[in-house]
Amino acid sequence: MNKLISFIVMCFCLLPLGCKETINETIVVGLESLTDPRIKPKVISTNPPMNSEGPYENFGTALEVRFNKIMNYRTLRHAFYLSSPSGDVRADTNVYPSKEDDSYTIVPKRIDGSSAFRWRLGQNYLLIIDTTAQDVNGNSLRPEFRMTFKPEPYFRVRNIYPRSDEIDIYLGSIISLSFNSNVDTSIFSSIHIDLPITGEWEFQSRTTNIDSAYIYFDSDDELSTNTRYTITIDDSAHDTEGNILIHGFTSSFTTASFRVISTYPYDGSQNLRPRNPYINVQFNEMLDTSTIRNSFRVAPMLDGSVRVGENGRYFTFSPLYSLSPSTTYAVTIDTTIRSKSGARLAEPYHFSFTTEKFRVESTSPRNGETDFYGNTRVAIAFNAEIDTGSVRTAFTITPIVQGLFNFDYSGVFYFSPIIPLPVSTSFTVTISAAMRARGGTPLDEAYTFSFQTAPFKVITSNPPNGFTNVPRSTTITFGFTYLIDTLNASRAFSISPQVEGRFLFPPQLAAFIYSPNEPLAPYTIYTVTLDTTLSSISGDRLRTPYRLEFATGN
């Protein structure tokens, strides 16, 4: 499609309609002309234009050349020649084709390769495409193509940031200038900012070198809100070679008014988690912190604390309690809030968000878990702080288990069985709709999950099974899913080679320790066996013997 549009434009340029003259060419109707072997290759357009003088719009350093044919890329690599009277430039041998395949980009390089390329002031350049360039049909470019151009006829400002006449500029923006030729510190006194702003001009670092064509203003303070700044450069300013800035330079921009630039939650947020919430409001200028508290309101009203951010541009409100589920909160920052410079909001700022419904967020054990340790408490976590008075009514466990509840006041409650849950048993827990959040919001519907307790078994050992180079002074420890019957532990334990020792039983821990009386033998493999007579305090035995092997070091 792009090729067809280009073709139509070229056809119209042949008509006497005032279209800019292009390089003479033969045009054959149809896109197939790009690969028609009967058509000889020609250059039909260039950027910059042929035999012209700049400065040019939308032109940096790379040259663009367009042909009437799709060209053989390999032949182009060494067909381009770029030169100057000072002999400081060459064409990069890497020629980059466009998406249309009939347009190519040539990148200039410095002969000495010392730094990034820049066109020299007042210098003419010559581009040659010789007859070794061929199209895809093998037709050579004849005669060779030649063009001259002068991209930078005089010393000038290439770019300024913020751009001229730009508005709503961020207050932390850095004013920067780039020239088309190197400058030194003598130019600094020729640059003026019309409003008082403390700081100094500096050279800007570009990659690994200091490029003295780029400077920026290192300001001690931010720009002022809603202010128009004008940067003027005297016409006496010059580059390092004495070239004068003809007609001088003037550019203006306007900063943004004092305003809110972001919030959390953002306006219109839905399904926000009520528990552990915070509200964050960020501005484009440092705040007068004394004005925050009285200017900030939330409806429904919330108690909480305000903390100002490190950069002074934002504050965070942390509610004392969790938010109410299924509730829309409206936040207002009124015009009494001020920036550090005394600016006020043009109008009150409003945003709102809605919390999600009251729900169970997670459980321990997880629904469907099949290896839950029976001496562990059951935990239920919600997305909001809970009404602890509703827990006992809402909670049921089947089969029925006696236990106690405790709360950490963060939206979680725990059920601790008085005695360990029986092994290999399925349980179902239900939290009915009688469960309420702090403030009274109920669950929409009952929540149910199921789990199965683990069998009595070994879950850890130290040393771990298969370890080598174990210290000879080691003790041997086993951990279990349930508290053990200490009376039969010694009878169920055996070690080979035999080692005399004693058994230790940490209180309320599902574990025991065997402590040898003497250091173990060096470089010896030990085998420890727990047989099926080992049981929990509830009388449940190991289903299969447990075997542990390890080897000592020196």
Protein backbone atom coordinates (compact mmCIF):
# COMPACT_ATOMS: atom_id res chain seq x y z
CA MET A 1 0.00 0.00 0.00
CA ASN A 2 2.85 2.43 0.86
CA LYS A 3 4.43 1.76 -2.55
CA LEU A 4 1.14 2.48 -4.31
CA ILE A 5 0.79 5.79 -2.49
CA SER A 6 4.38 6.71 -3.40
CA PHE A 7 3.65 5.87 -7.03
CA ILE A 8 0.52 8.04 -7.11
CA VAL A 9 2.41 10.98 -5.58
CA MET A 10 5.19 10.66 -8.17
CA CYS A 11 2.66 10.56 -11.01
CA PHE A 12 1.04 13.76 -9.81
CA CYS A 13 4.45 15.41 -9.61
CA LEU A 14 4.71 15.00 -13.41
CA LEU A 15 1.63 17.17 -13.87
CA PRO A 16 1.82 20.98 -13.98
CA LEU A 17 0.21 21.43 -10.54
CA GLY A 18 3.00 23.23 -8.72
CA CYS A 19 4.36 20.05 -7.12
CA LYS A 20 8.02 20.26 -6.01
CA GLU A 21 10.33 19.08 -8.79
CA THR A 22 11.83 15.62 -8.28
CA ILE A 23 14.87 14.03 -9.87
CA ASN A 24 14.21 13.11 -13.53
CA GLU A 25 13.03 9.53 -13.84
CA THR A 26 11.06 7.09 -15.93
CA ILE A 27 7.83 5.95 -14.29
CA VAL A 28 6.11 2.75 -15.33
CA VAL A 29 2.56 2.15 -14.17
CA GLY A 30 2.14 -0.53 -11.49
CA LEU A 31 3.99 -1.78 -8.46
CA GLU A 32 5.69 -4.38 -10.63
CA SER A 33 7.95 -1.57 -11.89
CA LEU A 34 10.06 -2.00 -8.73
CA THR A 35 11.26 -5.35 -10.07
CA ASP A 36 10.76 -4.89 -13.83
CA PRO A 37 14.07 -5.87 -15.54
CA ARG A 38 13.34 -3.45 -18.39
CA ILE A 39 13.56 -0.45 -16.06
CA LYS A 40 17.00 0.87 -15.18
CA PRO A 41 17.68 1.95 -11.58
CA LYS A 42 17.68 5.65 -10.74
CA VAL A 43 17.67 7.75 -7.58
CA ILE A 44 14.27 9.42 -7.30
CA SER A 45 14.54 11.27 -3.98
CA THR A 46 16.92 12.05 -1.14
CA ASN A 47 16.83 13.48 2.35
CA PRO A 48 18.35 16.01 2.58
CA PRO A 49 17.33 17.21 -0.89
CA MET A 50 19.86 17.13 -3.70
CA ASN A 51 22.17 20.18 -3.98
CA SER A 52 20.51 21.99 -1.07
CA GLU A 53 21.39 23.98 2.01
CA GLY A 54 20.00 23.42 5.52
CA PRO A 55 19.06 23.52 8.22
CA TYR A 56 16.53 20.81 7.42
CA GLU A 57 13.39 19.78 9.24
CA ASN A 58 13.30 16.21 10.53
CA PHE A 59 16.93 15.55 9.69
CA GLY A 60 19.64 14.42 12.05
CA THR A 61 22.74 12.74 10.68
CA ALA A 62 21.50 9.75 8.66
CA LEU A 63 20.91 10.26 4.93
CA GLU A 64 18.01 8.62 3.06
CA VAL A 65 18.11 7.67 -0.61
CA ARG A 66 15.16 6.27 -2.56
CA PHE A 67 15.36 4.42 -5.87
CA ASN A 68 12.79 3.58 -8.51
CA LYS A 69 13.76 -0.08 -8.11
CA ILE A 70 14.34 -2.55 -5.33
CA MET A 71 18.12 -2.69 -5.10
CA ASN A 72 20.61 -5.47 -4.46
CA TYR A 73 21.63 -4.75 -0.89
CA ARG A 74 25.08 -6.35 -1.21
CA THR A 75 26.09 -4.08 -4.08
CA LEU A 76 25.01 -0.97 -2.19
CA ARG A 77 27.30 -1.57 0.78
CA HIS A 78 30.38 -0.43 -1.12
CA ALA A 79 28.70 1.82 -3.70
CA PHE A 80 28.10 4.75 -1.32
CA TYR A 81 30.82 7.37 -0.83
CA LEU A 82 30.51 10.37 1.47
CA SER A 83 33.22 13.03 1.58
CA SER A 84 33.97 16.58 2.67
CA PRO A 85 36.71 19.14 1.93
CA SER A 86 38.19 18.52 5.39
CA GLY A 87 38.33 14.77 4.78
CA ASP A 88 36.78 13.94 8.14
CA VAL A 89 33.81 11.78 7.09
CA ARG A 90 33.02 8.49 5.40
CA ALA A 91 29.88 6.42 4.76
CA ASP A 92 29.27 3.44 7.02
CA THR A 93 29.41 0.23 4.98
CA ASN A 94 26.23 -0.92 6.71
CA VAL A 95 23.37 0.35 4.55
CA TYR A 96 19.96 -0.02 6.16
CA PRO A 97 16.94 -0.75 3.93
CA SER A 98 13.48 0.58 4.74
CA LYS A 99 10.36 -1.54 4.97
CA GLU A 100 9.58 -0.65 1.34
CA ASP A 101 12.93 -2.11 0.15
CA ASP A 102 13.43 0.75 -2.33
CA SER A 103 14.66 3.27 0.26
CA TYR A 104 17.99 3.06 2.11
CA THR A 105 19.66 4.85 5.01
CA ILE A 106 23.34 5.81 5.01
CA VAL A 107 24.99 6.60 8.33
CA PRO A 108 27.99 8.99 8.28
CA LYS A 109 31.04 8.13 10.40
CA ARG A 110 34.03 10.18 11.49
CA ILE A 111 37.24 9.06 9.83
CA ASP A 112 39.08 8.97 13.15
CA GLY A 113 36.14 7.28 14.92
CA SER A 114 36.79 9.50 17.94
CA SER A 115 33.24 10.51 18.86
CA ALA A 116 29.66 10.73 17.71
CA PHE A 117 29.34 12.28 14.27
CA ARG A 118 28.20 15.87 13.82
CA TRP A 119 27.95 17.89 10.60
CA ARG A 120 30.56 20.67 10.50
CA LEU A 121 29.38 24.26 10.24
CA GLY A 122 29.48 25.86 6.79
CA GLN A 123 30.84 22.71 5.14
CA ASN A 124 29.57 21.19 1.88
CA TYR A 125 29.35 17.40 1.65
CA LEU A 126 29.41 15.20 -1.43
CA LEU A 127 27.45 11.94 -1.69
CA ILE A 128 28.32 9.57 -4.55
CA ILE A 129 26.58 6.32 -5.47
CA ASP A 130 28.79 4.68 -8.07
CA THR A 131 27.89 2.31 -10.90
CA THR A 132 28.60 -0.82 -8.86
CA ALA A 133 25.13 -0.33 -7.33
CA GLN A 134 22.70 -2.78 -8.94
CA ASP A 135 18.99 -3.47 -8.73
CA VAL A 136 17.56 -6.93 -8.05
CA ASN A 137 17.57 -7.61 -11.80
CA GLY A 138 21.31 -6.97 -12.11
CA ASN A 139 20.93 -3.60 -13.84
CA SER A 140 23.65 -1.12 -12.85
CA LEU A 141 23.05 2.47 -11.76
CA ARG A 142 24.20 4.53 -14.75
CA PRO A 143 25.44 7.19 -14.68
CA GLU A 144 26.68 7.34 -11.10
CA PHE A 145 24.67 9.55 -8.77
CA ARG A 146 26.20 12.70 -7.23
CA MET A 147 24.73 15.29 -4.92
CA THR A 148 26.04 18.03 -2.64
CA PHE A 149 24.41 19.42 0.47
CA LYS A 150 25.26 21.83 3.29
CA PRO A 151 23.33 20.63 6.36
CA GLU A 152 24.58 23.22 8.87
CA PRO A 153 25.31 26.58 7.22
CA TYR A 154 25.54 28.54 10.49
CA PHE A 155 25.82 28.20 14.27
CA ARG A 156 22.42 27.57 15.87
CA VAL A 157 20.48 25.91 18.68
CA ARG A 158 19.38 22.49 17.48
CA ASN A 159 17.08 21.58 20.36
CA ILE A 160 15.84 22.94 23.65
CA TYR A 161 14.00 21.24 26.47
CA PRO A 162 11.34 22.08 27.45
CA ARG A 163 10.34 22.77 23.85
CA SER A 164 9.35 26.25 22.78
CA ASP A 165 5.79 27.25 23.75
CA GLU A 166 5.24 23.93 25.54
CA ILE A 167 2.83 24.12 28.46
CA ASP A 168 2.07 22.07 31.56
CA ILE A 169 5.76 21.35 32.15
CA TYR A 170 6.75 19.16 35.09
CA LEU A 171 8.26 21.24 37.88
CA GLY A 172 11.27 18.96 38.21
CA SER A 173 12.19 19.36 34.54
CA ILE A 174 15.79 20.21 33.67
CA ILE A 175 16.35 22.96 31.12
CA SER A 176 18.77 21.72 28.46
CA LEU A 177 20.18 23.01 25.17
CA SER A 178 21.91 21.30 22.29
CA PHE A 179 23.88 23.21 19.66
CA ASN A 180 25.07 22.15 16.24
CA SER A 181 28.67 22.88 17.21
CA ASN A 182 30.83 22.64 20.31
CA VAL A 183 30.66 25.45 22.85
CA ASP A 184 32.73 26.32 25.90
CA THR A 185 31.97 28.03 29.21
CA SER A 186 32.13 31.48 27.61
CA ILE A 187 28.62 30.94 26.25
CA PHE A 188 27.13 30.57 29.72
CA SER A 189 27.14 34.33 30.36
CA SER A 190 25.20 34.86 27.12
CA ILE A 191 22.28 32.66 28.24
CA HIS A 192 19.56 34.29 30.33
CA ILE A 193 16.50 32.96 32.14
CA ASP A 194 14.04 35.80 32.69
CA LEU A 195 12.86 34.72 36.17
CA PRO A 196 15.11 34.24 39.20
CA ILE A 197 16.28 30.65 39.45
CA THR A 198 19.46 29.68 41.28
CA GLY A 199 21.88 27.26 39.69
CA GLU A 200 24.47 27.09 36.94
CA TRP A 201 24.95 25.76 33.43
CA GLU A 202 26.86 22.50 33.06
CA PHE A 203 28.07 20.31 30.21
CA GLN A 204 25.99 17.20 29.73
CA SER A 205 27.61 13.77 29.70
CA ARG A 206 26.94 11.84 26.51
CA THR A 207 27.88 8.13 26.69
CA THR A 208 31.51 7.91 27.84
CA ASN A 209 32.57 11.34 26.55
CA ILE A 210 31.70 14.89 27.50
CA ASP A 211 30.02 16.37 24.43
CA SER A 212 30.33 20.13 24.73
CA ALA A 213 27.48 20.75 22.27
CA TYR A 214 25.02 19.76 25.03
CA ILE A 215 24.48 21.82 28.17
CA TYR A 216 21.89 21.84 30.95
CA PHE A 217 20.94 24.13 33.82
CA ASP A 218 21.73 22.53 37.18
CA SER A 219 19.08 24.20 39.31
CA ASP A 220 19.13 24.30 43.11
CA ASP A 221 15.33 24.32 43.26
CA GLU A 222 12.38 23.13 41.25
CA LEU A 223 10.63 25.39 38.79
CA SER A 224 7.70 27.42 40.11
CA THR A 225 4.12 26.41 39.40
CA ASN A 226 2.05 27.98 36.64
CA THR A 227 4.93 30.19 35.51
CA ARG A 228 6.12 31.18 32.05
CA TYR A 229 9.90 30.99 31.67
CA THR A 230 11.80 32.54 28.78
CA ILE A 231 15.34 31.52 27.84
CA THR A 232 17.28 34.03 25.74
CA ILE A 233 20.71 33.65 24.15
CA ASP A 234 22.48 36.83 23.01
CA ASP A 235 23.42 37.18 19.34
CA SER A 236 27.01 37.64 20.52
CA ALA A 237 27.14 34.01 21.68
CA HIS A 238 29.58 31.89 19.69
CA ASP A 239 30.92 28.37 19.43
CA THR A 240 34.51 27.30 20.09
CA GLU A 241 35.52 28.29 16.53
CA GLY A 242 34.10 31.81 16.83
CA ASN A 243 30.92 31.28 14.79
CA ILE A 244 28.28 33.76 15.95
CA LEU A 245 24.70 32.79 16.86
CA ILE A 246 22.94 34.76 14.13
CA HIS A 247 19.83 36.63 15.38
CA GLY A 248 20.28 35.14 18.86
CA PHE A 249 17.74 32.70 20.30
CA THR A 250 14.54 32.92 22.36
CA SER A 251 12.28 30.16 23.67
CA SER A 252 9.53 30.07 26.30
CA PHE A 253 7.60 27.41 28.17
CA THR A 254 4.99 27.36 30.93
CA THR A 255 5.05 25.11 33.98
CA ALA A 256 2.11 23.16 35.29
CA SER A 257 -0.16 24.53 37.96
CA PHE A 258 -0.02 22.95 41.43
CA ARG A 259 -2.08 19.77 41.20
CA VAL A 260 -2.55 16.13 42.11
CA ILE A 261 -0.74 13.88 39.64
CA SER A 262 -1.65 10.43 40.96
CA THR A 263 -3.56 8.62 43.67
CA TYR A 264 -3.78 5.17 45.16
CA PRO A 265 -6.33 3.78 44.93
CA TYR A 266 -6.93 5.41 41.56
CA ASP A 267 -10.29 7.03 40.90
CA GLY A 268 -12.99 4.45 40.24
CA SER A 269 -11.05 1.48 41.62
CA GLN A 270 -13.22 -1.55 42.35
CA ASN A 271 -12.81 -4.59 44.60
CA LEU A 272 -10.14 -3.02 46.78
CA ARG A 273 -8.99 -5.27 49.64
CA PRO A 274 -10.36 -3.78 52.90
CA ARG A 275 -7.61 -5.13 55.17
CA ASN A 276 -4.29 -3.25 55.60
CA PRO A 277 -5.37 -0.39 53.33
CA TYR A 278 -3.71 2.95 52.64
CA ILE A 279 -4.51 6.04 50.60
CA ASN A 280 -1.70 7.79 48.74
CA VAL A 281 -1.93 11.20 47.06
CA GLN A 282 0.98 12.56 44.99
CA PHE A 283 1.47 16.15 43.83
CA ASN A 284 3.73 17.83 41.28
CA GLU A 285 5.37 20.09 43.88
CA MET A 286 6.64 19.78 47.44
CA LEU A 287 3.89 20.22 50.02
CA ASP A 288 3.40 22.60 52.89
CA THR A 289 2.95 19.75 55.36
CA SER A 290 1.03 21.89 57.85
CA THR A 291 -1.91 22.13 55.41
CA ILE A 292 -2.37 18.41 54.69
CA ARG A 293 -4.47 17.22 57.63
CA ASN A 294 -7.19 19.89 57.41
CA SER A 295 -7.49 19.66 53.62
CA PHE A 296 -7.94 15.86 53.50
CA ARG A 297 -11.34 14.19 54.02
CA VAL A 298 -12.74 10.70 53.51
CA ALA A 299 -16.42 9.76 53.53
CA PRO A 300 -17.46 7.57 55.30
CA MET A 301 -15.10 9.08 57.86
CA LEU A 302 -11.95 7.13 58.82
CA ASP A 303 -9.59 7.51 61.75
CA GLY A 304 -5.93 7.18 60.86
CA SER A 305 -2.52 8.78 60.53
CA VAL A 306 -0.80 10.82 57.82
CA ARG A 307 2.83 10.35 56.77
CA VAL A 308 4.62 12.65 54.30
CA GLY A 309 6.86 11.01 51.69
CA GLU A 310 10.61 11.49 51.62
CA ASN A 311 10.53 13.77 48.59
CA GLY A 312 7.83 15.93 50.18
CA ARG A 313 5.53 15.57 47.15
CA TYR A 314 3.11 12.98 48.48
CA PHE A 315 1.39 11.88 51.64
CA THR A 316 -0.01 8.54 52.75
CA PHE A 317 -3.06 8.10 54.94
CA SER A 318 -3.16 4.82 56.90
CA PRO A 319 -6.55 4.00 58.46
CA LEU A 320 -6.50 2.82 62.05
CA TYR A 321 -8.74 -0.13 61.16
CA SER A 322 -9.53 -2.00 57.99
CA LEU A 323 -12.07 -0.49 55.61
CA SER A 324 -15.65 -1.70 55.51
CA PRO A 325 -16.33 -4.31 52.82
CA SER A 326 -18.66 -3.48 49.89
CA THR A 327 -18.34 0.24 50.58
CA THR A 328 -17.60 3.21 48.33
CA TYR A 329 -15.23 5.76 49.85
CA ALA A 330 -15.04 9.33 48.53
CA VAL A 331 -11.80 11.26 49.07
CA THR A 332 -11.54 15.05 48.84
CA ILE A 333 -8.46 17.26 48.95
CA ASP A 334 -9.76 20.82 49.17
CA THR A 335 -8.09 24.06 48.13
CA THR A 336 -6.67 24.78 51.58
CA ILE A 337 -3.76 22.47 50.76
CA ARG A 338 -0.70 24.43 49.65
CA SER A 339 2.60 23.73 48.00
CA LYS A 340 5.84 24.69 49.71
CA SER A 341 5.95 27.78 47.51
CA GLY A 342 2.43 28.78 48.61
CA ALA A 343 0.49 27.70 45.52
CA ARG A 344 -3.02 26.31 46.01
CA LEU A 345 -5.12 23.86 44.04
CA ALA A 346 -7.30 25.60 41.47
CA GLU A 347 -10.27 23.52 42.66
CA PRO A 348 -10.91 20.66 45.10
CA TYR A 349 -9.67 17.25 43.95
CA HIS A 350 -12.04 14.29 44.27
CA PHE A 351 -11.61 10.57 43.75
CA SER A 352 -13.42 7.48 44.96
CA PHE A 353 -12.96 3.73 45.23
CA THR A 354 -15.01 0.71 46.30
CA THR A 355 -13.94 -2.17 48.52
CA GLU A 356 -14.64 -5.81 47.72
CA LYS A 357 -17.22 -7.90 49.55
CA PHE A 358 -16.39 -9.63 52.85
CA ARG A 359 -14.89 -13.04 52.12
CA VAL A 360 -12.58 -15.79 53.31
CA GLU A 361 -9.15 -15.11 51.83
CA SER A 362 -7.22 -18.24 52.81
CA THR A 363 -7.27 -21.22 55.16
CA SER A 364 -4.76 -23.51 56.80
CA PRO A 365 -5.05 -26.32 56.02
CA ARG A 366 -5.91 -25.61 52.38
CA ASN A 367 -9.10 -27.02 50.92
CA GLY A 368 -8.41 -30.59 49.81
CA GLU A 369 -5.15 -30.94 51.77
CA THR A 370 -4.47 -34.58 52.66
CA ASP A 371 -1.42 -34.36 54.92
CA PHE A 372 -2.41 -31.94 57.69
CA TYR A 373 -0.63 -32.44 61.00
CA GLY A 374 -3.23 -33.10 63.67
CA ASN A 375 -1.37 -31.23 66.39
CA THR A 376 -1.51 -27.98 64.36
CA ARG A 377 -4.18 -25.29 64.78
CA VAL A 378 -6.70 -24.44 62.05
CA ALA A 379 -6.43 -20.86 60.70
CA ILE A 380 -9.03 -18.84 58.76
CA ALA A 381 -7.98 -15.51 57.17
CA PHE A 382 -10.42 -12.89 55.87
CA ASN A 383 -9.96 -9.85 53.64
CA ALA A 384 -11.12 -7.52 56.43
CA GLU A 385 -10.88 -7.27 60.17
CA ILE A 386 -13.46 -9.50 61.83
CA ASP A 387 -16.11 -9.21 64.51
CA THR A 388 -14.58 -11.70 66.94
CA GLY A 389 -17.93 -12.12 68.69
CA SER A 390 -19.40 -13.78 65.60
CA VAL A 391 -16.72 -16.47 65.27
CA ARG A 392 -18.02 -19.09 67.72
CA THR A 393 -21.51 -18.99 66.22
CA ALA A 394 -20.27 -19.15 62.62
CA PHE A 395 -17.61 -21.90 63.00
CA THR A 396 -18.37 -25.63 62.86
CA ILE A 397 -16.06 -28.61 62.30
CA THR A 398 -17.22 -32.12 61.44
CA PRO A 399 -16.54 -34.56 63.07
CA ILE A 400 -17.01 -32.42 66.18
CA VAL A 401 -13.75 -31.45 67.89
CA GLN A 402 -13.34 -29.58 71.15
CA GLY A 403 -11.05 -26.60 70.94
CA LEU A 404 -10.42 -22.96 71.71
CA PHE A 405 -10.40 -19.82 69.55
CA ASN A 406 -7.85 -17.04 69.54
CA PHE A 407 -7.53 -13.87 67.47
CA ASP A 408 -4.74 -11.59 66.29
CA TYR A 409 -7.10 -8.72 65.36
CA SER A 410 -5.84 -8.54 61.79
CA GLY A 411 -8.62 -10.48 60.11
CA VAL A 412 -7.49 -13.97 61.16
CA PHE A 413 -8.79 -16.39 63.78
CA TYR A 414 -7.39 -19.73 64.94
CA PHE A 415 -9.07 -22.89 66.21
CA SER A 416 -6.77 -24.99 68.40
CA PRO A 417 -8.00 -28.53 69.22
CA ILE A 418 -7.66 -29.46 72.89
CA ILE A 419 -6.21 -32.81 71.85
CA PRO A 420 -4.51 -33.56 68.52
CA LEU A 421 -6.85 -34.44 65.68
CA PRO A 422 -6.95 -38.19 65.00
CA VAL A 423 -4.67 -39.50 62.23
CA SER A 424 -5.85 -40.18 58.67
CA THR A 425 -9.25 -38.62 59.31
CA SER A 426 -11.33 -36.37 57.04
CA PHE A 427 -12.73 -33.12 58.44
CA THR A 428 -15.06 -30.45 57.05
CA VAL A 429 -15.04 -26.86 58.32
CA THR A 430 -17.93 -24.48 57.64
CA ILE A 431 -17.99 -20.72 58.22
CA SER A 432 -21.65 -19.71 58.06
CA ALA A 433 -23.13 -16.42 56.88
CA ALA A 434 -23.35 -15.46 60.56
CA MET A 435 -19.65 -14.53 60.29
CA ARG A 436 -19.26 -10.76 60.25
CA ALA A 437 -16.58 -8.20 59.55
CA ARG A 438 -15.75 -5.48 62.02
CA GLY A 439 -18.61 -3.05 61.50
CA GLY A 440 -21.19 -5.77 60.87
CA THR A 441 -20.87 -6.74 57.19
CA PRO A 442 -21.72 -10.49 56.89
CA LEU A 443 -20.43 -13.11 54.50
CA ASP A 444 -22.65 -13.35 51.42
CA GLU A 445 -22.81 -17.13 51.86
CA ALA A 446 -21.34 -19.92 53.93
CA TYR A 447 -17.74 -20.96 53.20
CA THR A 448 -16.75 -24.64 53.43
CA PHE A 449 -13.43 -26.44 53.10
CA SER A 450 -12.26 -29.98 53.80
CA PHE A 451 -8.98 -31.65 54.69
CA GLN A 452 -7.52 -34.92 55.88
CA THR A 453 -5.04 -35.40 58.69
CA ALA A 454 -1.72 -37.09 58.06
CA PRO A 455 -0.86 -40.57 59.33
CA PHE A 456 1.62 -40.92 62.19
CA LYS A 457 5.00 -40.79 60.46
CA VAL A 458 8.53 -39.42 60.53
CA ILE A 459 8.77 -36.06 58.77
CA THR A 460 12.35 -34.96 59.56
CA SER A 461 15.64 -36.39 60.70
CA ASN A 462 19.01 -34.95 61.65
CA PRO A 463 21.39 -35.93 60.21
CA PRO A 464 19.32 -36.08 57.03
CA ASN A 465 19.10 -39.43 55.28
CA GLY A 466 22.12 -40.11 53.06
CA PHE A 467 24.39 -37.40 54.49
CA THR A 468 28.14 -37.98 54.68
CA ASN A 469 30.93 -36.31 56.64
CA VAL A 470 28.59 -35.97 59.62
CA PRO A 471 30.41 -34.69 62.76
CA ARG A 472 31.25 -37.51 65.17
CA SER A 473 29.75 -35.48 68.02
CA THR A 474 26.31 -35.41 66.41
CA THR A 475 23.06 -36.28 68.11
CA ILE A 476 20.30 -38.08 66.20
CA THR A 477 16.93 -36.33 66.05
CA PHE A 478 13.56 -37.41 64.60
CA GLY A 479 10.47 -35.23 64.05
CA PHE A 480 6.95 -36.67 63.73
CA THR A 481 3.48 -35.60 62.70
CA TYR A 482 2.19 -36.16 66.25
CA LEU A 483 3.47 -36.25 69.80
CA ILE A 484 5.03 -39.63 70.50
CA ASP A 485 4.52 -42.17 73.25
CA THR A 486 7.84 -41.79 75.04
CA LEU A 487 7.47 -45.11 76.87
CA ASN A 488 7.98 -47.26 73.76
CA ALA A 489 10.42 -45.00 71.87
CA SER A 490 13.52 -46.71 73.22
CA ARG A 491 12.20 -50.17 72.33
CA ALA A 492 11.44 -49.11 68.75
CA PHE A 493 14.92 -47.58 68.23
CA SER A 494 18.00 -49.46 67.03
CA ILE A 495 21.38 -48.32 65.65
CA SER A 496 24.06 -50.28 63.85
CA PRO A 497 26.96 -50.37 64.66
CA GLN A 498 25.61 -50.24 68.19
CA VAL A 499 26.17 -47.03 70.14
CA GLU A 500 25.32 -46.48 73.80
CA GLY A 501 23.37 -43.34 74.52
CA ARG A 502 20.31 -41.76 76.08
CA PHE A 503 16.91 -40.52 74.84
CA LEU A 504 15.75 -36.93 75.21
CA PHE A 505 12.12 -35.86 74.75
CA PRO A 506 11.60 -32.08 74.29
CA PRO A 507 8.35 -31.06 76.04
CA GLN A 508 5.34 -30.51 73.76
CA LEU A 509 7.40 -31.28 70.64
CA ALA A 510 6.62 -34.15 68.31
CA ALA A 511 10.25 -35.28 68.37
CA PHE A 512 12.89 -37.21 70.24
CA ILE A 513 16.69 -37.03 70.39
CA TYR A 514 19.18 -39.86 70.79
CA SER A 515 22.43 -38.56 72.30
CA PRO A 516 25.42 -40.99 72.10
CA ASN A 517 27.54 -41.25 75.24
CA GLU A 518 30.77 -41.18 73.20
CA PRO A 519 31.73 -39.68 69.83
CA LEU A 520 30.78 -41.85 66.88
CA ALA A 521 33.48 -43.81 65.06
CA PRO A 522 35.22 -41.99 62.17
CA TYR A 523 34.36 -42.75 58.54
CA THR A 524 31.61 -45.17 59.53
CA ILE A 525 28.20 -45.81 58.01
CA TYR A 526 25.47 -45.89 60.65
CA THR A 527 22.00 -47.32 60.13
CA VAL A 528 19.17 -46.25 62.45
CA THR A 529 15.82 -48.04 62.39
CA LEU A 530 12.50 -47.11 63.99
CA ASP A 531 10.18 -50.12 63.92
CA THR A 532 6.39 -50.17 63.87
CA THR A 533 6.09 -50.45 67.65
CA LEU A 534 6.74 -46.69 67.82
CA SER A 535 3.41 -44.93 68.38
CA SER A 536 1.85 -41.54 69.02
CA ILE A 537 0.34 -40.63 72.38
CA SER A 538 -3.02 -41.59 70.82
CA GLY A 539 -1.73 -45.10 70.14
CA ASP A 540 -1.30 -44.78 66.35
CA ARG A 541 1.74 -46.71 65.13
CA LEU A 542 4.16 -46.21 62.26
CA ARG A 543 2.73 -48.00 59.24
CA THR A 544 6.18 -49.14 58.07
CA PRO A 545 9.63 -49.15 59.69
CA TYR A 546 11.70 -45.98 59.12
CA ARG A 547 15.37 -46.37 58.12
CA LEU A 548 18.03 -43.64 58.35
CA GLU A 549 21.60 -43.98 57.01
CA PHE A 550 24.47 -41.53 57.37
CA ALA A 551 28.27 -41.60 57.41
CA THR A 552 30.61 -39.83 59.81
CA GLY A 553 33.70 -37.83 58.93
CA ASN A 554 37.03 -37.76 60.70
